Amino acid sequence: MTTTSSRFFDEVAKLMNSAAGAAQGVRREIDTLVKAQVERVLNELNVVQREEFDAVKEMASRAREDNERLQARLAEIERRVAGTGAMPESRSQSTTQPSAAPPPFPANESGSSGPSASGA
């Protein structure tokens, strides 16, 4: 009688192992289907991927820094022009013909002159 009950429990254990393996397989399959469905929905909604968002965020940050740098440079140039008492050319020649050569840029901090001195 012990052999019969032992064999019965062995068969039940095998059945449970098989059921557990099948359940894990079903779980993996459901995970795969849900993931595919979520990706499809996100693609249809035109949701931006994280990598693309981070790249655009970095570009915006650089553009903001460039804008601030250029605003500071413009303020410095305007301060220098106002300090010399001269009006900017666009205001002083509103009724006259423009000159053939543009006015020279003031020297920047490194001592060179021109718009490309700072690499811009």
C-alpha atoms as a PDB file:
ATOM      1  CA  MET A   1       0.000   0.000   0.000  1.00  0.00           C
ATOM      2  CA  THR A   2       2.868   2.401   0.600  1.00  0.00           C
ATOM      3  CA  THR A   3       4.066   1.908  -2.977  1.00  0.00           C
ATOM      4  CA  THR A   4       0.702   2.830  -4.381  1.00  0.00           C
ATOM      5  CA  SER A   5       0.325   5.991  -2.315  1.00  0.00           C
ATOM      6  CA  SER A   6       3.941   6.922  -2.941  1.00  0.00           C
ATOM      7  CA  ARG A   7       3.429   6.501  -6.676  1.00  0.00           C
ATOM      8  CA  PHE A   8       0.238   8.550  -6.470  1.00  0.00           C
ATOM      9  CA  PHE A   9       2.076  11.419  -4.760  1.00  0.00           C
ATOM     10  CA  ASP A  10       4.901  11.206  -7.304  1.00  0.00           C
ATOM     11  CA  GLU A  11       2.363  11.566 -10.104  1.00  0.00           C
ATOM     12  CA  VAL A  12       0.688  14.495  -8.341  1.00  0.00           C
ATOM     13  CA  ALA A  13       4.101  16.184  -7.878  1.00  0.00           C
ATOM     14  CA  LYS A  14       4.904  15.725 -11.587  1.00  0.00           C
ATOM     15  CA  LEU A  15       1.519  17.146 -12.489  1.00  0.00           C
ATOM     16  CA  MET A  16       2.116  20.175 -10.246  1.00  0.00           C
ATOM     17  CA  ASN A  17       5.583  20.758 -11.764  1.00  0.00           C
ATOM     18  CA  SER A  18       4.101  20.565 -15.231  1.00  0.00           C
ATOM     19  CA  ALA A  19       1.342  22.984 -14.256  1.00  0.00           C
ATOM     20  CA  ALA A  20       3.879  25.411 -12.760  1.00  0.00           C
ATOM     21  CA  GLY A  21       5.998  25.247 -15.922  1.00  0.00           C
ATOM     22  CA  ALA A  22       2.935  25.810 -18.081  1.00  0.00           C
ATOM     23  CA  ALA A  23       1.894  28.756 -15.895  1.00  0.00           C
ATOM     24  CA  GLN A  24       5.339  30.327 -16.292  1.00  0.00           C
ATOM     25  CA  GLY A  25       5.135  29.850 -20.047  1.00  0.00           C
ATOM     26  CA  VAL A  26       1.700  31.469 -20.132  1.00  0.00           C
ATOM     27  CA  ARG A  27       3.001  34.346 -18.007  1.00  0.00           C
ATOM     28  CA  ARG A  28       5.921  34.954 -20.386  1.00  0.00           C
ATOM     29  CA  GLU A  29       3.574  34.863 -23.364  1.00  0.00           C
ATOM     30  CA  ILE A  30       1.184  37.336 -21.720  1.00  0.00           C
ATOM     31  CA  ASP A  31       4.091  39.647 -20.828  1.00  0.00           C
ATOM     32  CA  THR A  32       5.252  39.586 -24.446  1.00  0.00           C
ATOM     33  CA  LEU A  33       1.763  40.307 -25.779  1.00  0.00           C
ATOM     34  CA  VAL A  34       1.151  43.142 -23.299  1.00  0.00           C
ATOM     35  CA  LYS A  35       4.516  44.709 -24.086  1.00  0.00           C
ATOM     36  CA  ALA A  36       3.846  44.548 -27.833  1.00  0.00           C
ATOM     37  CA  GLN A  37       0.393  46.073 -27.333  1.00  0.00           C
ATOM     38  CA  VAL A  38       1.737  48.910 -25.171  1.00  0.00           C
ATOM     39  CA  GLU A  39       4.472  49.681 -27.719  1.00  0.00           C
ATOM     40  CA  ARG A  40       1.879  49.733 -30.512  1.00  0.00           C
ATOM     41  CA  VAL A  41      -0.347  52.131 -28.572  1.00  0.00           C
ATOM     42  CA  LEU A  42       2.582  54.409 -27.725  1.00  0.00           C
ATOM     43  CA  ASN A  43       3.680  54.460 -31.368  1.00  0.00           C
ATOM     44  CA  GLU A  44       0.153  55.358 -32.476  1.00  0.00           C
ATOM     45  CA  LEU A  45       0.051  58.190 -29.936  1.00  0.00           C
ATOM     46  CA  ASN A  46       3.392  59.515 -31.244  1.00  0.00           C
ATOM     47  CA  VAL A  47       4.923  59.409 -27.773  1.00  0.00           C
ATOM     48  CA  VAL A  48       8.563  60.461 -27.818  1.00  0.00           C
ATOM     49  CA  GLN A  49      11.139  57.959 -26.645  1.00  0.00           C
ATOM     50  CA  ARG A  50      13.280  58.917 -23.672  1.00  0.00           C
ATOM     51  CA  GLU A  51      16.503  59.083 -25.708  1.00  0.00           C
ATOM     52  CA  GLU A  52      14.953  61.506 -28.198  1.00  0.00           C
ATOM     53  CA  PHE A  53      13.530  63.641 -25.391  1.00  0.00           C
ATOM     54  CA  ASP A  54      16.915  63.839 -23.663  1.00  0.00           C
ATOM     55  CA  ALA A  55      18.620  64.818 -26.933  1.00  0.00           C
ATOM     56  CA  VAL A  56      16.138  67.644 -27.606  1.00  0.00           C
ATOM     57  CA  LYS A  57      16.363  68.763 -23.982  1.00  0.00           C
ATOM     58  CA  GLU A  58      20.161  69.019 -24.303  1.00  0.00           C
ATOM     59  CA  MET A  59      19.831  70.980 -27.556  1.00  0.00           C
ATOM     60  CA  ALA A  60      17.392  73.391 -25.915  1.00  0.00           C
ATOM     61  CA  SER A  61      19.750  73.847 -22.980  1.00  0.00           C
ATOM     62  CA  ARG A  62      22.644  74.667 -25.320  1.00  0.00           C
ATOM     63  CA  ALA A  63      20.484  77.085 -27.299  1.00  0.00           C
ATOM     64  CA  ARG A  64      19.421  78.803 -24.075  1.00  0.00           C
ATOM     65  CA  GLU A  65      23.055  79.145 -22.985  1.00  0.00           C
ATOM     66  CA  ASP A  66      24.023  80.546 -26.412  1.00  0.00           C
ATOM     67  CA  ASN A  67      21.115  82.989 -26.229  1.00  0.00           C
ATOM     68  CA  GLU A  68      22.170  84.184 -22.782  1.00  0.00           C
ATOM     69  CA  ARG A  69      25.785  84.522 -23.923  1.00  0.00           C
ATOM     70  CA  LEU A  70      24.747  86.514 -27.000  1.00  0.00           C
ATOM     71  CA  GLN A  71      22.431  88.727 -24.944  1.00  0.00           C
ATOM     72  CA  ALA A  72      25.304  89.498 -22.575  1.00  0.00           C
ATOM     73  CA  ARG A  73      27.570  90.248 -25.540  1.00  0.00           C
ATOM     74  CA  LEU A  74      24.938  92.534 -27.089  1.00  0.00           C
ATOM     75  CA  ALA A  75      24.456  94.339 -23.776  1.00  0.00           C
ATOM     76  CA  GLU A  76      28.223  94.860 -23.537  1.00  0.00           C
ATOM     77  CA  ILE A  77      28.373  96.228 -27.094  1.00  0.00           C
ATOM     78  CA  GLU A  78      25.429  98.527 -26.422  1.00  0.00           C
ATOM     79  CA  ARG A  79      27.097  99.701 -23.207  1.00  0.00           C
ATOM     80  CA  ARG A  80      30.307 100.480 -25.092  1.00  0.00           C
ATOM     81  CA  VAL A  81      28.433 102.325 -27.828  1.00  0.00           C
ATOM     82  CA  ALA A  82      26.453 104.297 -25.247  1.00  0.00           C
ATOM     83  CA  GLY A  83      29.651 105.072 -23.351  1.00  0.00           C
ATOM     84  CA  THR A  84      31.256 106.671 -26.407  1.00  0.00           C
ATOM     85  CA  GLY A  85      28.211 108.868 -26.964  1.00  0.00           C
ATOM     86  CA  ALA A  86      27.787 107.596 -30.502  1.00  0.00           C
ATOM     87  CA  MET A  87      24.473 106.331 -31.718  1.00  0.00           C
ATOM     88  CA  PRO A  88      24.323 102.951 -33.385  1.00  0.00           C
ATOM     89  CA  GLU A  89      24.663 103.217 -37.155  1.00  0.00           C
ATOM     90  CA  SER A  90      21.151 101.975 -37.877  1.00  0.00           C
ATOM     91  CA  ARG A  91      19.691 104.873 -35.866  1.00  0.00           C
ATOM     92  CA  SER A  92      22.086 107.652 -36.940  1.00  0.00           C
ATOM     93  CA  GLN A  93      21.762 106.973 -40.676  1.00  0.00           C
ATOM     94  CA  SER A  94      18.005 106.575 -40.886  1.00  0.00           C
ATOM     95  CA  THR A  95      17.726 109.158 -43.697  1.00  0.00           C
ATOM     96  CA  THR A  96      21.146 108.832 -45.309  1.00  0.00           C
ATOM     97  CA  GLN A  97      22.624 106.163 -47.539  1.00  0.00           C
ATOM     98  CA  PRO A  98      24.462 103.327 -45.771  1.00  0.00           C
ATOM     99  CA  SER A  99      28.225 103.428 -45.937  1.00  0.00           C
ATOM    100  CA  ALA A 100      30.128 100.957 -48.122  1.00  0.00           C
ATOM    101  CA  ALA A 101      31.924  99.305 -45.193  1.00  0.00           C
ATOM    102  CA  PRO A 102      30.281  98.166 -41.970  1.00  0.00           C
ATOM    103  CA  PRO A 103      31.534  99.752 -38.758  1.00  0.00           C
ATOM    104  CA  PRO A 104      34.328  97.821 -37.011  1.00  0.00           C
ATOM    105  CA  PHE A 105      33.432  95.679 -34.007  1.00  0.00           C
ATOM    106  CA  PRO A 106      34.981  96.705 -30.709  1.00  0.00           C
ATOM    107  CA  ALA A 107      37.751  94.443 -29.437  1.00  0.00           C
ATOM    108  CA  ASN A 108      36.513  91.670 -27.155  1.00  0.00           C
ATOM    109  CA  GLU A 109      38.167  90.531 -23.935  1.00  0.00           C
ATOM    110  CA  SER A 110      40.881  88.540 -25.751  1.00  0.00           C
ATOM    111  CA  GLY A 111      41.998  91.638 -27.587  1.00  0.00           C
ATOM    112  CA  SER A 112      40.948  90.554 -31.077  1.00  0.00           C
ATOM    113  CA  SER A 113      38.185  92.207 -33.024  1.00  0.00           C
ATOM    114  CA  GLY A 114      35.466  91.015 -35.352  1.00  0.00           C
ATOM    115  CA  PRO A 115      32.354  88.913 -35.020  1.00  0.00           C
ATOM    116  CA  SER A 116      34.186  85.587 -35.359  1.00  0.00           C
ATOM    117  CA  ALA A 117      36.647  86.263 -32.551  1.00  0.00           C
ATOM    118  CA  SER A 118      34.595  84.275 -30.038  1.00  0.00           C
ATOM    119  CA  GLY A 119      33.949  81.396 -32.415  1.00  0.00           C
ATOM    120  CA  ALA A 120      30.385  82.450 -33.192  1.00  0.00           C
END
